[in-house]
């Protein structure tokens, strides 16, 4: 039985993983990432609630709903990382521990990707390890919640 519940939030365009810019994001699909996370979540005794949307407002609604029954949020905000103050405010306002993850190393890419409006409110940021960024982020988040 799960000890805790984590919202795994995937932002815009992440539904296209596996076919979108494979030289940057690889060939692993979002479904494969979710399955790997689910397996790791089971061993950590964490129930995971997966959600992906290309729409900022839907992501915000999901964050606001998570306040009621989740213990933390693992988020890859996609391009919203760099400019969505609305998403940032929803994440800050929910009061849940938060780990930000990115598949690519955002600091080795275009300069506009180097800035995150989410990072200052996150407990930590993991990027550049491909799909393993999600697993590392989940492990870190569960440790934060438990400690």
N, C-alpha and C. Protein backbone atom coordinates (compact mmCIF):
# COMPACT_ATOMS: atom_id res chain seq x y z
N UNK A 1 0.84 -1.19 0.00
CA UNK A 1 0.00 0.00 0.00
C UNK A 1 0.88 1.25 0.00
N UNK A 2 0.46 2.23 -0.75
CA UNK A 2 1.24 3.47 -0.89
C UNK A 2 1.20 4.27 0.41
N UNK A 3 2.33 4.84 0.74
CA UNK A 3 2.44 5.72 1.91
C UNK A 3 2.12 7.16 1.55
N UNK A 4 2.33 7.50 0.28
CA UNK A 4 2.13 8.88 -0.13
C UNK A 4 1.71 8.93 -1.58
N UNK A 5 1.26 10.12 -1.99
CA UNK A 5 0.78 10.30 -3.37
C UNK A 5 1.49 11.50 -3.99
N UNK A 6 1.95 11.30 -5.23
CA UNK A 6 2.69 12.33 -5.96
C UNK A 6 1.99 12.62 -7.28
N UNK A 7 1.80 13.90 -7.55
CA UNK A 7 1.32 14.32 -8.86
C UNK A 7 2.52 14.46 -9.78
N UNK A 8 2.48 13.77 -10.92
CA UNK A 8 3.51 13.89 -11.94
C UNK A 8 2.90 14.70 -13.07
N UNK A 9 3.41 15.91 -13.23
CA UNK A 9 2.81 16.87 -14.14
C UNK A 9 3.74 17.09 -15.34
N UNK A 10 3.21 16.84 -16.53
CA UNK A 10 3.96 17.00 -17.78
C UNK A 10 3.35 18.16 -18.56
N UNK A 11 4.17 19.13 -18.93
CA UNK A 11 3.70 20.31 -19.65
C UNK A 11 3.58 20.12 -21.15
N UNK A 12 3.45 21.24 -21.85
CA UNK A 12 3.20 21.23 -23.29
C UNK A 12 4.26 20.47 -24.10
N UNK A 13 3.78 19.78 -25.10
CA UNK A 13 4.57 19.05 -26.10
C UNK A 13 5.20 17.77 -25.58
N UNK A 14 5.11 17.50 -24.30
CA UNK A 14 5.73 16.27 -23.79
C UNK A 14 4.97 15.02 -24.24
N UNK A 15 3.74 15.19 -24.68
CA UNK A 15 3.00 14.08 -25.28
C UNK A 15 3.63 13.63 -26.59
N UNK A 16 4.52 14.44 -27.15
CA UNK A 16 5.17 14.12 -28.42
C UNK A 16 6.53 13.45 -28.25
N UNK A 17 6.90 13.16 -27.01
CA UNK A 17 8.18 12.48 -26.79
C UNK A 17 8.23 11.18 -27.58
N UNK A 18 9.39 10.87 -28.07
CA UNK A 18 9.57 9.68 -28.90
C UNK A 18 9.64 10.03 -30.37
N UNK A 19 8.93 11.08 -30.76
CA UNK A 19 8.96 11.53 -32.16
C UNK A 19 9.43 12.97 -32.29
N UNK A 20 9.31 13.75 -31.24
CA UNK A 20 9.69 15.16 -31.28
C UNK A 20 11.18 15.34 -31.00
N UNK A 21 11.91 15.87 -31.94
CA UNK A 21 13.32 16.18 -31.79
C UNK A 21 14.09 15.08 -31.04
N UNK A 22 14.13 13.88 -31.61
CA UNK A 22 14.78 12.76 -30.91
C UNK A 22 16.26 12.99 -30.63
N UNK A 23 16.90 13.87 -31.39
CA UNK A 23 18.31 14.17 -31.13
C UNK A 23 18.48 14.92 -29.81
N UNK A 24 17.43 15.57 -29.34
CA UNK A 24 17.46 16.28 -28.05
C UNK A 24 16.78 15.46 -26.95
N UNK A 25 15.61 14.92 -27.25
CA UNK A 25 14.79 14.28 -26.22
C UNK A 25 14.81 12.76 -26.24
N UNK A 26 15.47 12.17 -27.23
CA UNK A 26 15.54 10.72 -27.31
C UNK A 26 14.31 10.12 -27.95
N UNK A 27 14.23 8.80 -27.90
CA UNK A 27 13.13 8.09 -28.56
C UNK A 27 12.16 7.47 -27.56
N UNK A 28 12.37 7.68 -26.29
CA UNK A 28 11.46 7.16 -25.26
C UNK A 28 10.18 7.98 -25.29
N UNK A 29 9.04 7.31 -25.21
CA UNK A 29 7.75 8.00 -25.22
C UNK A 29 7.36 8.41 -23.80
N UNK A 30 6.38 9.30 -23.71
CA UNK A 30 5.88 9.72 -22.41
C UNK A 30 5.27 8.53 -21.67
N UNK A 31 4.59 7.67 -22.39
CA UNK A 31 4.00 6.48 -21.76
C UNK A 31 5.09 5.59 -21.16
N UNK A 32 6.20 5.44 -21.85
CA UNK A 32 7.31 4.64 -21.31
C UNK A 32 7.91 5.29 -20.06
N UNK A 33 8.03 6.61 -20.07
CA UNK A 33 8.51 7.31 -18.88
C UNK A 33 7.55 7.10 -17.72
N UNK A 34 6.26 7.23 -17.98
CA UNK A 34 5.27 7.04 -16.92
C UNK A 34 5.31 5.63 -16.36
N UNK A 35 5.47 4.63 -17.23
CA UNK A 35 5.54 3.24 -16.75
C UNK A 35 6.77 3.02 -15.88
N UNK A 36 7.90 3.58 -16.27
CA UNK A 36 9.13 3.46 -15.46
C UNK A 36 8.95 4.17 -14.12
N UNK A 37 8.31 5.32 -14.14
CA UNK A 37 8.05 6.04 -12.89
C UNK A 37 7.10 5.26 -12.00
N UNK A 38 6.08 4.67 -12.59
CA UNK A 38 5.12 3.89 -11.81
C UNK A 38 5.81 2.72 -11.11
N UNK A 39 6.69 2.05 -11.85
CA UNK A 39 7.43 0.92 -11.28
C UNK A 39 8.31 1.40 -10.12
N UNK A 40 9.02 2.52 -10.32
CA UNK A 40 9.87 3.05 -9.25
C UNK A 40 9.02 3.55 -8.09
N UNK A 41 7.89 4.13 -8.40
CA UNK A 41 6.98 4.59 -7.36
C UNK A 41 6.49 3.47 -6.47
N UNK A 42 6.20 2.33 -7.07
CA UNK A 42 5.77 1.17 -6.28
C UNK A 42 6.83 0.77 -5.27
N UNK A 43 8.10 0.74 -5.71
CA UNK A 43 9.17 0.34 -4.79
C UNK A 43 9.40 1.40 -3.70
N UNK A 44 9.02 2.64 -3.99
CA UNK A 44 9.14 3.72 -3.00
C UNK A 44 7.88 3.87 -2.15
N UNK A 45 6.88 3.05 -2.45
CA UNK A 45 5.57 3.09 -1.77
C UNK A 45 4.88 4.42 -2.00
N UNK A 46 4.96 4.87 -3.25
CA UNK A 46 4.34 6.12 -3.65
C UNK A 46 3.36 5.88 -4.79
N UNK A 47 2.15 6.31 -4.61
CA UNK A 47 1.15 6.27 -5.68
C UNK A 47 1.36 7.51 -6.54
N UNK A 48 1.33 7.32 -7.86
CA UNK A 48 1.57 8.43 -8.77
C UNK A 48 0.31 8.74 -9.57
N UNK A 49 0.02 10.02 -9.69
CA UNK A 49 -1.09 10.52 -10.50
C UNK A 49 -0.47 11.27 -11.67
N UNK A 50 -0.58 10.73 -12.88
CA UNK A 50 0.04 11.32 -14.07
C UNK A 50 -0.93 12.25 -14.78
N UNK A 51 -0.39 13.38 -15.23
CA UNK A 51 -1.22 14.32 -15.97
C UNK A 51 -0.36 15.09 -16.96
N UNK A 52 -0.80 15.16 -18.20
CA UNK A 52 -0.11 15.94 -19.24
C UNK A 52 -1.14 16.82 -19.92
N UNK A 53 -0.76 18.07 -20.18
CA UNK A 53 -1.62 18.95 -20.95
C UNK A 53 -0.76 19.94 -21.73
N UNK A 54 -1.28 20.34 -22.87
CA UNK A 54 -0.68 21.40 -23.66
C UNK A 54 -1.28 22.75 -23.32
N UNK A 55 -2.15 22.78 -22.30
CA UNK A 55 -2.89 23.98 -21.95
C UNK A 55 -2.56 24.41 -20.52
N UNK A 56 -2.05 25.61 -20.40
CA UNK A 56 -1.60 26.15 -19.12
C UNK A 56 -2.70 26.10 -18.05
N UNK A 57 -3.90 26.53 -18.40
CA UNK A 57 -5.00 26.55 -17.43
C UNK A 57 -5.36 25.18 -16.90
N UNK A 58 -5.30 24.17 -17.75
CA UNK A 58 -5.58 22.80 -17.30
C UNK A 58 -4.53 22.32 -16.31
N UNK A 59 -3.27 22.68 -16.56
CA UNK A 59 -2.20 22.32 -15.61
C UNK A 59 -2.43 23.00 -14.27
N UNK A 60 -2.83 24.26 -14.31
CA UNK A 60 -3.10 25.01 -13.08
C UNK A 60 -4.26 24.39 -12.33
N UNK A 61 -5.33 24.02 -13.02
CA UNK A 61 -6.46 23.36 -12.37
C UNK A 61 -6.03 22.08 -11.68
N UNK A 62 -5.18 21.30 -12.34
CA UNK A 62 -4.70 20.04 -11.77
C UNK A 62 -3.87 20.30 -10.51
N UNK A 63 -3.03 21.32 -10.53
CA UNK A 63 -2.23 21.68 -9.36
C UNK A 63 -3.14 22.06 -8.20
N UNK A 64 -4.14 22.86 -8.48
CA UNK A 64 -5.06 23.28 -7.41
C UNK A 64 -5.82 22.10 -6.83
N UNK A 65 -6.18 21.12 -7.67
CA UNK A 65 -6.84 19.91 -7.19
C UNK A 65 -5.89 19.05 -6.35
N UNK A 66 -4.61 19.08 -6.68
CA UNK A 66 -3.62 18.23 -6.00
C UNK A 66 -3.45 18.61 -4.54
N UNK A 67 -3.74 19.84 -4.20
CA UNK A 67 -3.61 20.29 -2.81
C UNK A 67 -4.37 19.39 -1.85
N UNK A 68 -5.48 18.85 -2.34
CA UNK A 68 -6.38 18.09 -1.48
C UNK A 68 -5.88 16.69 -1.14
N UNK A 69 -5.16 16.04 -2.07
CA UNK A 69 -4.84 14.63 -1.82
C UNK A 69 -3.43 14.20 -2.19
N UNK A 70 -2.56 15.13 -2.56
CA UNK A 70 -1.19 14.77 -2.91
C UNK A 70 -0.21 15.29 -1.87
N UNK A 71 0.93 14.63 -1.80
CA UNK A 71 1.98 15.02 -0.86
C UNK A 71 3.12 15.79 -1.52
N UNK A 72 3.16 15.79 -2.85
CA UNK A 72 4.21 16.49 -3.57
C UNK A 72 3.95 16.46 -5.06
N UNK A 73 4.74 17.28 -5.79
CA UNK A 73 4.58 17.39 -7.24
C UNK A 73 5.94 17.24 -7.92
N UNK A 74 5.97 16.36 -8.90
CA UNK A 74 7.12 16.21 -9.81
C UNK A 74 6.68 16.83 -11.12
N UNK A 75 7.40 17.87 -11.57
CA UNK A 75 6.91 18.60 -12.74
C UNK A 75 8.00 18.83 -13.78
N UNK A 76 7.62 18.56 -15.02
CA UNK A 76 8.39 19.02 -16.18
C UNK A 76 7.48 20.01 -16.88
N UNK A 77 7.70 21.32 -16.65
CA UNK A 77 6.80 22.31 -17.21
C UNK A 77 6.98 22.56 -18.70
N UNK A 78 7.96 21.90 -19.33
CA UNK A 78 8.21 22.16 -20.75
C UNK A 78 8.56 23.62 -20.95
N UNK A 79 8.12 24.19 -22.04
CA UNK A 79 8.45 25.59 -22.36
C UNK A 79 7.86 26.57 -21.34
N UNK A 80 6.83 26.17 -20.60
CA UNK A 80 6.25 27.04 -19.58
C UNK A 80 7.25 27.36 -18.47
N UNK A 81 8.29 26.55 -18.38
CA UNK A 81 9.37 26.76 -17.41
C UNK A 81 9.89 28.18 -17.45
N UNK A 82 9.97 28.74 -18.62
CA UNK A 82 10.72 29.96 -18.84
C UNK A 82 9.91 31.24 -18.74
N UNK A 83 8.58 31.12 -18.68
CA UNK A 83 7.79 32.36 -18.70
C UNK A 83 6.45 32.30 -17.99
N UNK A 84 6.00 31.15 -17.52
CA UNK A 84 4.64 31.07 -16.99
C UNK A 84 4.59 31.42 -15.50
N UNK A 85 4.32 32.68 -15.26
CA UNK A 85 4.15 33.11 -13.87
C UNK A 85 2.87 32.56 -13.27
N UNK A 86 1.89 32.30 -14.10
CA UNK A 86 0.64 31.72 -13.61
C UNK A 86 0.89 30.30 -13.10
N UNK A 87 1.65 29.50 -13.84
CA UNK A 87 1.99 28.15 -13.40
C UNK A 87 2.84 28.21 -12.14
N UNK A 88 3.82 29.12 -12.12
CA UNK A 88 4.69 29.31 -10.96
C UNK A 88 3.85 29.65 -9.72
N UNK A 89 2.90 30.57 -9.88
CA UNK A 89 2.08 30.99 -8.74
C UNK A 89 1.19 29.85 -8.24
N UNK A 90 0.68 29.03 -9.16
CA UNK A 90 -0.14 27.89 -8.74
C UNK A 90 0.70 26.88 -7.96
N UNK A 91 1.91 26.61 -8.44
CA UNK A 91 2.80 25.68 -7.75
C UNK A 91 3.20 26.23 -6.38
N UNK A 92 3.52 27.51 -6.31
CA UNK A 92 3.89 28.12 -5.03
C UNK A 92 2.70 28.14 -4.08
N UNK A 93 1.54 28.44 -4.61
CA UNK A 93 0.36 28.57 -3.79
C UNK A 93 -0.18 27.29 -3.20
N UNK A 94 0.12 26.17 -3.84
CA UNK A 94 -0.42 24.90 -3.34
C UNK A 94 0.32 24.42 -2.09
N UNK A 95 1.53 24.92 -1.88
CA UNK A 95 2.26 24.59 -0.67
C UNK A 95 2.84 23.19 -0.61
N UNK A 96 2.82 22.46 -1.71
CA UNK A 96 3.36 21.10 -1.72
C UNK A 96 4.83 21.12 -2.11
N UNK A 97 5.63 20.17 -1.58
CA UNK A 97 7.01 20.05 -2.05
C UNK A 97 7.02 19.79 -3.56
N UNK A 98 8.04 20.32 -4.22
CA UNK A 98 8.08 20.33 -5.68
C UNK A 98 9.50 20.05 -6.15
N UNK A 99 9.62 19.16 -7.14
CA UNK A 99 10.89 18.95 -7.83
C UNK A 99 10.63 19.17 -9.31
N UNK A 100 11.47 20.02 -9.92
CA UNK A 100 11.39 20.34 -11.34
C UNK A 100 12.37 19.44 -12.09
N UNK A 101 11.92 18.86 -13.19
CA UNK A 101 12.80 17.99 -13.99
C UNK A 101 12.73 18.38 -15.47
N UNK A 102 13.84 18.10 -16.15
CA UNK A 102 13.92 18.30 -17.60
C UNK A 102 14.75 17.17 -18.19
N UNK A 103 14.34 16.67 -19.33
CA UNK A 103 15.06 15.60 -20.00
C UNK A 103 16.40 16.09 -20.52
N UNK A 104 16.40 17.25 -21.16
CA UNK A 104 17.64 17.80 -21.70
C UNK A 104 18.31 18.69 -20.65
N UNK A 105 19.57 19.00 -20.89
CA UNK A 105 20.28 19.95 -20.03
C UNK A 105 19.92 21.34 -20.54
N UNK A 106 19.00 21.99 -19.86
CA UNK A 106 18.52 23.29 -20.32
C UNK A 106 19.63 24.35 -20.34
N UNK A 107 20.70 24.12 -19.60
CA UNK A 107 21.80 25.09 -19.53
C UNK A 107 22.80 24.95 -20.68
N UNK A 108 22.68 23.88 -21.45
CA UNK A 108 23.56 23.71 -22.60
C UNK A 108 22.82 24.00 -23.92
N UNK A 109 21.63 24.55 -23.79
CA UNK A 109 20.81 24.85 -24.96
C UNK A 109 20.71 26.36 -25.18
N UNK A 110 19.71 26.81 -25.90
CA UNK A 110 19.54 28.22 -26.19
C UNK A 110 19.47 29.02 -24.89
N UNK A 111 19.96 30.26 -24.95
CA UNK A 111 20.07 31.07 -23.73
C UNK A 111 18.71 31.31 -23.06
N UNK A 112 17.61 31.40 -23.84
CA UNK A 112 16.31 31.64 -23.21
C UNK A 112 15.89 30.47 -22.32
N UNK A 113 16.46 29.29 -22.55
CA UNK A 113 16.11 28.12 -21.73
C UNK A 113 16.87 28.09 -20.40
N UNK A 114 17.83 28.95 -20.23
CA UNK A 114 18.64 28.94 -19.00
C UNK A 114 17.88 29.50 -17.80
N UNK A 115 16.84 30.25 -18.04
CA UNK A 115 16.07 30.86 -16.96
C UNK A 115 14.79 30.07 -16.71
N UNK A 116 14.52 29.82 -15.44
CA UNK A 116 13.29 29.14 -15.04
C UNK A 116 12.59 29.98 -13.99
N UNK A 117 11.30 30.23 -14.21
CA UNK A 117 10.52 30.91 -13.18
C UNK A 117 10.03 29.92 -12.12
N UNK A 118 10.21 28.63 -12.38
CA UNK A 118 9.78 27.58 -11.46
C UNK A 118 10.88 27.25 -10.45
N UNK A 119 12.12 27.21 -10.90
CA UNK A 119 13.24 26.78 -10.05
C UNK A 119 13.31 27.46 -8.69
N UNK A 120 13.07 28.78 -8.58
CA UNK A 120 13.19 29.41 -7.26
C UNK A 120 12.21 28.90 -6.21
N UNK A 121 11.12 28.28 -6.63
CA UNK A 121 10.16 27.76 -5.66
C UNK A 121 10.26 26.25 -5.49
N UNK A 122 11.13 25.61 -6.28
CA UNK A 122 11.29 24.16 -6.23
C UNK A 122 12.29 23.77 -5.14
N UNK A 123 12.08 22.60 -4.57
CA UNK A 123 13.06 22.05 -3.63
C UNK A 123 14.35 21.70 -4.34
N UNK A 124 14.25 21.35 -5.63
CA UNK A 124 15.41 21.01 -6.43
C UNK A 124 15.06 20.91 -7.89
N UNK A 125 16.10 20.90 -8.72
CA UNK A 125 15.94 20.80 -10.16
C UNK A 125 16.91 19.75 -10.68
N UNK A 126 16.39 18.85 -11.51
CA UNK A 126 17.23 17.81 -12.12
C UNK A 126 17.04 17.90 -13.62
N UNK A 127 18.14 18.04 -14.35
CA UNK A 127 18.04 18.14 -15.81
C UNK A 127 19.25 17.49 -16.47
N UNK A 128 19.04 17.07 -17.71
CA UNK A 128 20.14 16.60 -18.52
C UNK A 128 20.42 15.12 -18.47
N UNK A 129 19.62 14.36 -17.76
CA UNK A 129 19.86 12.92 -17.64
C UNK A 129 18.86 12.11 -18.45
N UNK A 130 18.29 12.73 -19.46
CA UNK A 130 17.30 12.04 -20.27
C UNK A 130 16.11 11.64 -19.42
N UNK A 131 15.46 10.54 -19.76
CA UNK A 131 14.31 10.08 -18.98
C UNK A 131 14.65 9.78 -17.52
N UNK A 132 15.92 9.48 -17.24
CA UNK A 132 16.32 9.23 -15.85
C UNK A 132 16.14 10.47 -14.97
N UNK A 133 16.06 11.65 -15.58
CA UNK A 133 15.80 12.86 -14.79
C UNK A 133 14.52 12.70 -13.98
N UNK A 134 13.51 12.06 -14.58
CA UNK A 134 12.25 11.83 -13.88
C UNK A 134 12.43 10.88 -12.69
N UNK A 135 13.15 9.80 -12.89
CA UNK A 135 13.37 8.83 -11.81
C UNK A 135 14.15 9.48 -10.67
N UNK A 136 15.22 10.19 -11.00
CA UNK A 136 16.01 10.88 -9.99
C UNK A 136 15.16 11.92 -9.26
N UNK A 137 14.33 12.62 -10.00
CA UNK A 137 13.45 13.61 -9.39
C UNK A 137 12.44 12.98 -8.45
N UNK A 138 11.87 11.85 -8.85
CA UNK A 138 10.91 11.15 -7.99
C UNK A 138 11.58 10.69 -6.70
N UNK A 139 12.77 10.10 -6.82
CA UNK A 139 13.49 9.64 -5.63
C UNK A 139 13.78 10.81 -4.69
N UNK A 140 14.22 11.92 -5.24
CA UNK A 140 14.51 13.10 -4.42
C UNK A 140 13.23 13.62 -3.76
N UNK A 141 12.15 13.70 -4.50
CA UNK A 141 10.88 14.20 -3.96
C UNK A 141 10.37 13.32 -2.83
N UNK A 142 10.41 12.02 -3.01
CA UNK A 142 9.96 11.11 -1.96
C UNK A 142 10.82 11.29 -0.70
N UNK A 143 12.12 11.45 -0.86
CA UNK A 143 12.98 11.71 0.31
C UNK A 143 12.61 13.01 0.99
N UNK A 144 12.32 14.03 0.22
CA UNK A 144 11.92 15.32 0.80
C UNK A 144 10.62 15.17 1.59
N UNK A 145 9.67 14.48 1.00
CA UNK A 145 8.36 14.31 1.67
C UNK A 145 8.52 13.52 2.96
N UNK A 146 9.29 12.45 2.91
CA UNK A 146 9.44 11.59 4.09
C UNK A 146 10.27 12.22 5.19
N UNK A 147 11.16 13.12 4.82
CA UNK A 147 12.04 13.73 5.83
C UNK A 147 11.58 15.14 6.16
